[in-house]
Amino acid sequence: MTVQAYILIQTEVGKSSEVALAIAKISGITMSEDVTGPYDVIVRAEGPTIDELGKTVVSKVQSIPGITRTLTCPVVHL
């Protein structure tokens, strides 16, 4: 079973489109969209394990220039 999460991202002013496009190119990212509200970009990511998903978030997503903060919300199946 694949582990999935939504990543809520805040960016520097005027950087949301640039950030969303850069993130969309990362392996394991299934959706990356600009939004309005307290977050600027919402991403859906998936990986084979929670550890692999974490590696994607920490090493790849958070290294994108223009990101100021991320909040990762793992999907649960209740």
PDB file of N, CA and C in Angstrom:
ATOM      1  N   MET A   1       0.838  -1.185   0.000  1.00  0.00           N
ATOM      2  CA  MET A   1       0.000   0.000   0.000  1.00  0.00           C
ATOM      3  C   MET A   1       0.886   1.252   0.000  1.00  0.00           C
ATOM      4  N   THR A   2       0.563   2.193  -0.824  1.00  0.00           N
ATOM      5  CA  THR A   2       1.318   3.427  -0.938  1.00  0.00           C
ATOM      6  C   THR A   2       0.935   4.385   0.194  1.00  0.00           C
ATOM      7  N   VAL A   3       1.927   5.086   0.729  1.00  0.00           N
ATOM      8  CA  VAL A   3       1.699   6.115   1.739  1.00  0.00           C
ATOM      9  C   VAL A   3       1.553   7.445   1.012  1.00  0.00           C
ATOM     10  N   GLN A   4       0.513   8.200   1.378  1.00  0.00           N
ATOM     11  CA  GLN A   4       0.258   9.473   0.720  1.00  0.00           C
ATOM     12  C   GLN A   4       0.179  10.589   1.747  1.00  0.00           C
ATOM     13  N   ALA A   5       0.465  11.809   1.286  1.00  0.00           N
ATOM     14  CA  ALA A   5       0.370  12.970   2.161  1.00  0.00           C
ATOM     15  C   ALA A   5       0.094  14.211   1.334  1.00  0.00           C
ATOM     16  N   TYR A   6      -0.536  15.179   1.980  1.00  0.00           N
ATOM     17  CA  TYR A   6      -0.656  16.514   1.419  1.00  0.00           C
ATOM     18  C   TYR A   6       0.413  17.366   2.073  1.00  0.00           C
ATOM     19  N   ILE A   7       1.056  18.208   1.291  1.00  0.00           N
ATOM     20  CA  ILE A   7       2.057  19.124   1.817  1.00  0.00           C
ATOM     21  C   ILE A   7       1.546  20.533   1.562  1.00  0.00           C
ATOM     22  N   LEU A   8       1.343  21.277   2.636  1.00  0.00           N
ATOM     23  CA  LEU A   8       0.881  22.658   2.548  1.00  0.00           C
ATOM     24  C   LEU A   8       2.110  23.549   2.604  1.00  0.00           C
ATOM     25  N   ILE A   9       2.218  24.454   1.654  1.00  0.00           N
ATOM     26  CA  ILE A   9       3.457  25.214   1.489  1.00  0.00           C
ATOM     27  C   ILE A   9       3.200  26.711   1.484  1.00  0.00           C
ATOM     28  N   GLN A  10       4.008  27.423   2.250  1.00  0.00           N
ATOM     29  CA  GLN A  10       4.035  28.880   2.195  1.00  0.00           C
ATOM     30  C   GLN A  10       5.287  29.279   1.424  1.00  0.00           C
ATOM     31  N   THR A  11       5.137  30.296   0.579  1.00  0.00           N
ATOM     32  CA  THR A  11       6.259  30.737  -0.250  1.00  0.00           C
ATOM     33  C   THR A  11       6.530  32.223  -0.033  1.00  0.00           C
ATOM     34  N   GLU A  12       7.663  32.664  -0.544  1.00  0.00           N
ATOM     35  CA  GLU A  12       7.942  34.094  -0.589  1.00  0.00           C
ATOM     36  C   GLU A  12       6.912  34.739  -1.515  1.00  0.00           C
ATOM     37  N   VAL A  13       6.639  36.015  -1.310  1.00  0.00           N
ATOM     38  CA  VAL A  13       5.660  36.736  -2.120  1.00  0.00           C
ATOM     39  C   VAL A  13       6.037  36.637  -3.600  1.00  0.00           C
ATOM     40  N   GLY A  14       5.045  36.268  -4.410  1.00  0.00           N
ATOM     41  CA  GLY A  14       5.239  36.191  -5.850  1.00  0.00           C
ATOM     42  C   GLY A  14       5.941  34.938  -6.358  1.00  0.00           C
ATOM     43  N   LYS A  15       6.199  33.976  -5.495  1.00  0.00           N
ATOM     44  CA  LYS A  15       6.946  32.774  -5.891  1.00  0.00           C
ATOM     45  C   LYS A  15       6.086  31.520  -6.015  1.00  0.00           C
ATOM     46  N   SER A  16       4.796  31.600  -5.738  1.00  0.00           N
ATOM     47  CA  SER A  16       3.979  30.382  -5.662  1.00  0.00           C
ATOM     48  C   SER A  16       3.935  29.605  -6.977  1.00  0.00           C
ATOM     49  N   SER A  17       3.750  30.281  -8.093  1.00  0.00           N
ATOM     50  CA  SER A  17       3.681  29.564  -9.377  1.00  0.00           C
ATOM     51  C   SER A  17       5.005  28.886  -9.699  1.00  0.00           C
ATOM     52  N   GLU A  18       6.091  29.595  -9.468  1.00  0.00           N
ATOM     53  CA  GLU A  18       7.429  29.058  -9.712  1.00  0.00           C
ATOM     54  C   GLU A  18       7.697  27.819  -8.843  1.00  0.00           C
ATOM     55  N   VAL A  19       7.300  27.906  -7.574  1.00  0.00           N
ATOM     56  CA  VAL A  19       7.482  26.792  -6.638  1.00  0.00           C
ATOM     57  C   VAL A  19       6.620  25.602  -7.055  1.00  0.00           C
ATOM     58  N   ALA A  20       5.358  25.845  -7.380  1.00  0.00           N
ATOM     59  CA  ALA A  20       4.451  24.760  -7.773  1.00  0.00           C
ATOM     60  C   ALA A  20       4.969  24.026  -9.012  1.00  0.00           C
ATOM     61  N   LEU A  21       5.478  24.756  -9.984  1.00  0.00           N
ATOM     62  CA  LEU A  21       6.012  24.133 -11.199  1.00  0.00           C
ATOM     63  C   LEU A  21       7.254  23.299 -10.902  1.00  0.00           C
ATOM     64  N   ALA A  22       8.132  23.817 -10.057  1.00  0.00           N
ATOM     65  CA  ALA A  22       9.353  23.082  -9.707  1.00  0.00           C
ATOM     66  C   ALA A  22       9.029  21.795  -8.958  1.00  0.00           C
ATOM     67  N   ILE A  23       8.082  21.867  -8.032  1.00  0.00           N
ATOM     68  CA  ILE A  23       7.710  20.690  -7.242  1.00  0.00           C
ATOM     69  C   ILE A  23       7.046  19.633  -8.111  1.00  0.00           C
ATOM     70  N   ALA A  24       6.249  20.049  -9.077  1.00  0.00           N
ATOM     71  CA  ALA A  24       5.537  19.106  -9.945  1.00  0.00           C
ATOM     72  C   ALA A  24       6.485  18.178 -10.691  1.00  0.00           C
ATOM     73  N   LYS A  25       7.736  18.577 -10.860  1.00  0.00           N
ATOM     74  CA  LYS A  25       8.720  17.778 -11.592  1.00  0.00           C
ATOM     75  C   LYS A  25       9.391  16.709 -10.731  1.00  0.00           C
ATOM     76  N   ILE A  26       9.142  16.720  -9.423  1.00  0.00           N
ATOM     77  CA  ILE A  26       9.785  15.787  -8.499  1.00  0.00           C
ATOM     78  C   ILE A  26       9.084  14.425  -8.544  1.00  0.00           C
ATOM     79  N   SER A  27       9.854  13.374  -8.624  1.00  0.00           N
ATOM     80  CA  SER A  27       9.309  12.023  -8.590  1.00  0.00           C
ATOM     81  C   SER A  27       8.591  11.793  -7.262  1.00  0.00           C
ATOM     82  N   GLY A  28       7.398  11.222  -7.318  1.00  0.00           N
ATOM     83  CA  GLY A  28       6.613  10.974  -6.111  1.00  0.00           C
ATOM     84  C   GLY A  28       5.562  12.037  -5.854  1.00  0.00           C
ATOM     85  N   ILE A  29       5.611  13.130  -6.597  1.00  0.00           N
ATOM     86  CA  ILE A  29       4.606  14.186  -6.478  1.00  0.00           C
ATOM     87  C   ILE A  29       3.510  13.897  -7.492  1.00  0.00           C
ATOM     88  N   THR A  30       2.275  13.782  -7.017  1.00  0.00           N
ATOM     89  CA  THR A  30       1.168  13.466  -7.917  1.00  0.00           C
ATOM     90  C   THR A  30       0.322  14.676  -8.260  1.00  0.00           C
ATOM     91  N   MET A  31       0.458  15.773  -7.491  1.00  0.00           N
ATOM     92  CA  MET A  31      -0.291  16.990  -7.744  1.00  0.00           C
ATOM     93  C   MET A  31       0.440  18.147  -7.088  1.00  0.00           C
ATOM     94  N   SER A  32       0.463  19.303  -7.753  1.00  0.00           N
ATOM     95  CA  SER A  32       1.056  20.514  -7.199  1.00  0.00           C
ATOM     96  C   SER A  32       0.285  21.695  -7.754  1.00  0.00           C
ATOM     97  N   GLU A  33      -0.426  22.431  -6.881  1.00  0.00           N
ATOM     98  CA  GLU A  33      -1.285  23.513  -7.354  1.00  0.00           C
ATOM     99  C   GLU A  33      -1.146  24.760  -6.498  1.00  0.00           C
ATOM    100  N   ASP A  34      -1.246  25.918  -7.156  1.00  0.00           N
ATOM    101  CA  ASP A  34      -1.318  27.202  -6.457  1.00  0.00           C
ATOM    102  C   ASP A  34      -2.707  27.329  -5.838  1.00  0.00           C
ATOM    103  N   VAL A  35      -2.784  27.857  -4.645  1.00  0.00           N
ATOM    104  CA  VAL A  35      -4.062  28.081  -3.981  1.00  0.00           C
ATOM    105  C   VAL A  35      -4.041  29.449  -3.289  1.00  0.00           C
ATOM    106  N   THR A  36      -5.209  29.884  -2.821  1.00  0.00           N
ATOM    107  CA  THR A  36      -5.281  31.102  -2.024  1.00  0.00           C
ATOM    108  C   THR A  36      -5.550  30.716  -0.580  1.00  0.00           C
ATOM    109  N   GLY A  37      -5.319  31.642   0.325  1.00  0.00           N
ATOM    110  CA  GLY A  37      -5.526  31.374   1.747  1.00  0.00           C
ATOM    111  C   GLY A  37      -4.212  31.413   2.491  1.00  0.00           C
ATOM    112  N   PRO A  38      -4.130  30.758   3.640  1.00  0.00           N
ATOM    113  CA  PRO A  38      -2.914  30.827   4.451  1.00  0.00           C
ATOM    114  C   PRO A  38      -1.717  30.097   3.821  1.00  0.00           C
ATOM    115  N   TYR A  39      -1.979  29.203   2.869  1.00  0.00           N
ATOM    116  CA  TYR A  39      -0.909  28.511   2.156  1.00  0.00           C
ATOM    117  C   TYR A  39      -0.950  28.915   0.696  1.00  0.00           C
ATOM    118  N   ASP A  40       0.182  28.832   0.030  1.00  0.00           N
ATOM    119  CA  ASP A  40       0.297  29.281  -1.351  1.00  0.00           C
ATOM    120  C   ASP A  40       0.281  28.140  -2.365  1.00  0.00           C
ATOM    121  N   VAL A  41       0.739  26.963  -1.936  1.00  0.00           N
ATOM    122  CA  VAL A  41       0.802  25.787  -2.810  1.00  0.00           C
ATOM    123  C   VAL A  41       0.363  24.574  -1.999  1.00  0.00           C
ATOM    124  N   ILE A  42      -0.433  23.709  -2.617  1.00  0.00           N
ATOM    125  CA  ILE A  42      -0.779  22.425  -2.006  1.00  0.00           C
ATOM    126  C   ILE A  42      -0.277  21.326  -2.931  1.00  0.00           C
ATOM    127  N   VAL A  43       0.386  20.347  -2.323  1.00  0.00           N
ATOM    128  CA  VAL A  43       1.014  19.252  -3.056  1.00  0.00           C
ATOM    129  C   VAL A  43       0.479  17.931  -2.517  1.00  0.00           C
ATOM    130  N   ARG A  44       0.289  16.977  -3.398  1.00  0.00           N
ATOM    131  CA  ARG A  44      -0.005  15.613  -2.970  1.00  0.00           C
ATOM    132  C   ARG A  44       1.191  14.763  -3.366  1.00  0.00           C
ATOM    133  N   ALA A  45       1.707  14.035  -2.388  1.00  0.00           N
ATOM    134  CA  ALA A  45       2.898  13.214  -2.617  1.00  0.00           C
ATOM    135  C   ALA A  45       2.606  11.785  -2.195  1.00  0.00           C
ATOM    136  N   GLU A  46       3.365  10.853  -2.761  1.00  0.00           N
ATOM    137  CA  GLU A  46       3.219   9.462  -2.353  1.00  0.00           C
ATOM    138  C   GLU A  46       4.567   8.766  -2.397  1.00  0.00           C
ATOM    139  N   GLY A  47       4.662   7.724  -1.601  1.00  0.00           N
ATOM    140  CA  GLY A  47       5.877   6.934  -1.537  1.00  0.00           C
ATOM    141  C   GLY A  47       5.558   5.551  -1.006  1.00  0.00           C
ATOM    142  N   PRO A  48       6.488   4.625  -1.152  1.00  0.00           N
ATOM    143  CA  PRO A  48       6.241   3.250  -0.712  1.00  0.00           C
ATOM    144  C   PRO A  48       6.180   3.106   0.806  1.00  0.00           C
ATOM    145  N   THR A  49       6.872   3.975   1.534  1.00  0.00           N
ATOM    146  CA  THR A  49       6.862   3.946   3.004  1.00  0.00           C
ATOM    147  C   THR A  49       6.835   5.376   3.528  1.00  0.00           C
ATOM    148  N   ILE A  50       6.518   5.526   4.795  1.00  0.00           N
ATOM    149  CA  ILE A  50       6.529   6.855   5.406  1.00  0.00           C
ATOM    150  C   ILE A  50       7.943   7.437   5.401  1.00  0.00           C
ATOM    151  N   ASP A  51       8.951   6.584   5.540  1.00  0.00           N
ATOM    152  CA  ASP A  51      10.338   7.053   5.505  1.00  0.00           C
ATOM    153  C   ASP A  51      10.699   7.610   4.127  1.00  0.00           C
ATOM    154  N   GLU A  52      10.322   6.905   3.079  1.00  0.00           N
ATOM    155  CA  GLU A  52      10.607   7.377   1.721  1.00  0.00           C
ATOM    156  C   GLU A  52       9.854   8.666   1.425  1.00  0.00           C
ATOM    157  N   LEU A  53       8.627   8.748   1.892  1.00  0.00           N
ATOM    158  CA  LEU A  53       7.851   9.971   1.721  1.00  0.00           C
ATOM    159  C   LEU A  53       8.537  11.130   2.445  1.00  0.00           C
ATOM    160  N   GLY A  54       9.019  10.883   3.638  1.00  0.00           N
ATOM    161  CA  GLY A  54       9.738  11.901   4.403  1.00  0.00           C
ATOM    162  C   GLY A  54      10.999  12.360   3.692  1.00  0.00           C
ATOM    163  N   LYS A  55      11.705  11.430   3.089  1.00  0.00           N
ATOM    164  CA  LYS A  55      12.924  11.789   2.351  1.00  0.00           C
ATOM    165  C   LYS A  55      12.584  12.700   1.178  1.00  0.00           C
ATOM    166  N   THR A  56      11.474  12.426   0.494  1.00  0.00           N
ATOM    167  CA  THR A  56      11.046  13.272  -0.614  1.00  0.00           C
ATOM    168  C   THR A  56      10.770  14.681  -0.119  1.00  0.00           C
ATOM    169  N   VAL A  57      10.040  14.782   0.988  1.00  0.00           N
ATOM    170  CA  VAL A  57       9.683  16.097   1.517  1.00  0.00           C
ATOM    171  C   VAL A  57      10.918  16.855   1.973  1.00  0.00           C
ATOM    172  N   VAL A  58      11.742  16.227   2.792  1.00  0.00           N
ATOM    173  CA  VAL A  58      12.879  16.923   3.377  1.00  0.00           C
ATOM    174  C   VAL A  58      13.948  17.246   2.345  1.00  0.00           C
ATOM    175  N   SER A  59      14.347  16.256   1.554  1.00  0.00           N
ATOM    176  CA  SER A  59      15.493  16.468   0.680  1.00  0.00           C
ATOM    177  C   SER A  59      15.163  17.162  -0.635  1.00  0.00           C
ATOM    178  N   LYS A  60      13.962  16.972  -1.143  1.00  0.00           N
ATOM    179  CA  LYS A  60      13.642  17.523  -2.460  1.00  0.00           C
ATOM    180  C   LYS A  60      12.717  18.726  -2.391  1.00  0.00           C
ATOM    181  N   VAL A  61      11.561  18.578  -1.754  1.00  0.00           N
ATOM    182  CA  VAL A  61      10.595  19.681  -1.717  1.00  0.00           C
ATOM    183  C   VAL A  61      11.154  20.866  -0.938  1.00  0.00           C
ATOM    184  N   GLN A  62      11.667  20.630   0.256  1.00  0.00           N
ATOM    185  CA  GLN A  62      12.119  21.754   1.084  1.00  0.00           C
ATOM    186  C   GLN A  62      13.357  22.450   0.531  1.00  0.00           C
ATOM    187  N   SER A  63      14.029  21.852  -0.447  1.00  0.00           N
ATOM    188  CA  SER A  63      15.200  22.505  -1.032  1.00  0.00           C
ATOM    189  C   SER A  63      14.847  23.435  -2.192  1.00  0.00           C
ATOM    190  N   ILE A  64      13.588  23.502  -2.571  1.00  0.00           N
ATOM    191  CA  ILE A  64      13.158  24.380  -3.661  1.00  0.00           C
ATOM    192  C   ILE A  64      13.276  25.835  -3.205  1.00  0.00           C
ATOM    193  N   PRO A  65      13.953  26.680  -3.969  1.00  0.00           N
ATOM    194  CA  PRO A  65      14.062  28.099  -3.601  1.00  0.00           C
ATOM    195  C   PRO A  65      12.687  28.778  -3.571  1.00  0.00           C
ATOM    196  N   GLY A  66      12.479  29.639  -2.603  1.00  0.00           N
ATOM    197  CA  GLY A  66      11.230  30.388  -2.494  1.00  0.00           C
ATOM    198  C   GLY A  66      10.274  29.839  -1.454  1.00  0.00           C
ATOM    199  N   ILE A  67      10.537  28.636  -0.928  1.00  0.00           N
ATOM    200  CA  ILE A  67       9.674  28.060   0.106  1.00  0.00           C
ATOM    201  C   ILE A  67      10.093  28.593   1.468  1.00  0.00           C
ATOM    202  N   THR A  68       9.115  29.051   2.245  1.00  0.00           N
ATOM    203  CA  THR A  68       9.422  29.551   3.584  1.00  0.00           C
ATOM    204  C   THR A  68       8.981  28.594   4.682  1.00  0.00           C
ATOM    205  N   ARG A  69       7.955  27.766   4.413  1.00  0.00           N
ATOM    206  CA  ARG A  69       7.471  26.828   5.429  1.00  0.00           C
ATOM    207  C   ARG A  69       6.653  25.731   4.775  1.00  0.00           C
ATOM    208  N   THR A  70       6.753  24.520   5.333  1.00  0.00           N
ATOM    209  CA  THR A  70       5.926  23.404   4.872  1.00  0.00           C
ATOM    210  C   THR A  70       5.230  22.749   6.055  1.00  0.00           C
ATOM    211  N   LEU A  71       4.080  22.171   5.781  1.00  0.00           N
ATOM    212  CA  LEU A  71       3.340  21.387   6.766  1.00  0.00           C
ATOM    213  C   LEU A  71       2.887  20.116   6.057  1.00  0.00           C
ATOM    214  N   THR A  72       3.362  18.966   6.518  1.00  0.00           N
ATOM    215  CA  THR A  72       3.039  17.691   5.880  1.00  0.00           C
ATOM    216  C   THR A  72       1.924  16.997   6.651  1.00  0.00           C
ATOM    217  N   CYS A  73       0.876  16.613   5.916  1.00  0.00           N
ATOM    218  CA  CYS A  73      -0.301  15.977   6.497  1.00  0.00           C
ATOM    219  C   CYS A  73      -0.486  14.598   5.878  1.00  0.00           C
ATOM    220  N   PRO A  74      -0.017  13.529   6.539  1.00  0.00           N
ATOM    221  CA  PRO A  74      -0.195  12.188   5.998  1.00  0.00           C
ATOM    222  C   PRO A  74      -1.674  11.808   5.879  1.00  0.00           C
ATOM    223  N   VAL A  75      -2.013  11.102   4.822  1.00  0.00           N
ATOM    224  CA  VAL A  75      -3.379  10.629   4.618  1.00  0.00           C
ATOM    225  C   VAL A  75      -3.580   9.376   5.452  1.00  0.00           C
ATOM    226  N   VAL A  76      -4.695   9.303   6.171  1.00  0.00           N
ATOM    227  CA  VAL A  76      -5.020   8.112   6.960  1.00  0.00           C
ATOM    228  C   VAL A  76      -6.311   7.501   6.404  1.00  0.00           C
ATOM    229  N   HIS A  77      -6.436   6.215   6.564  1.00  0.00           N
ATOM    230  CA  HIS A  77      -7.633   5.495   6.123  1.00  0.00           C
ATOM    231  C   HIS A  77      -8.281   4.904   7.373  1.00  0.00           C
ATOM    232  N   LEU A  78      -9.318   5.556   7.851  1.00  0.00           N
ATOM    233  CA  LEU A  78      -9.983   5.134   9.088  1.00  0.00           C
ATOM    234  C   LEU A  78     -11.125   4.179   8.821  1.00  0.00           C
TER     235      LEU A  78
END
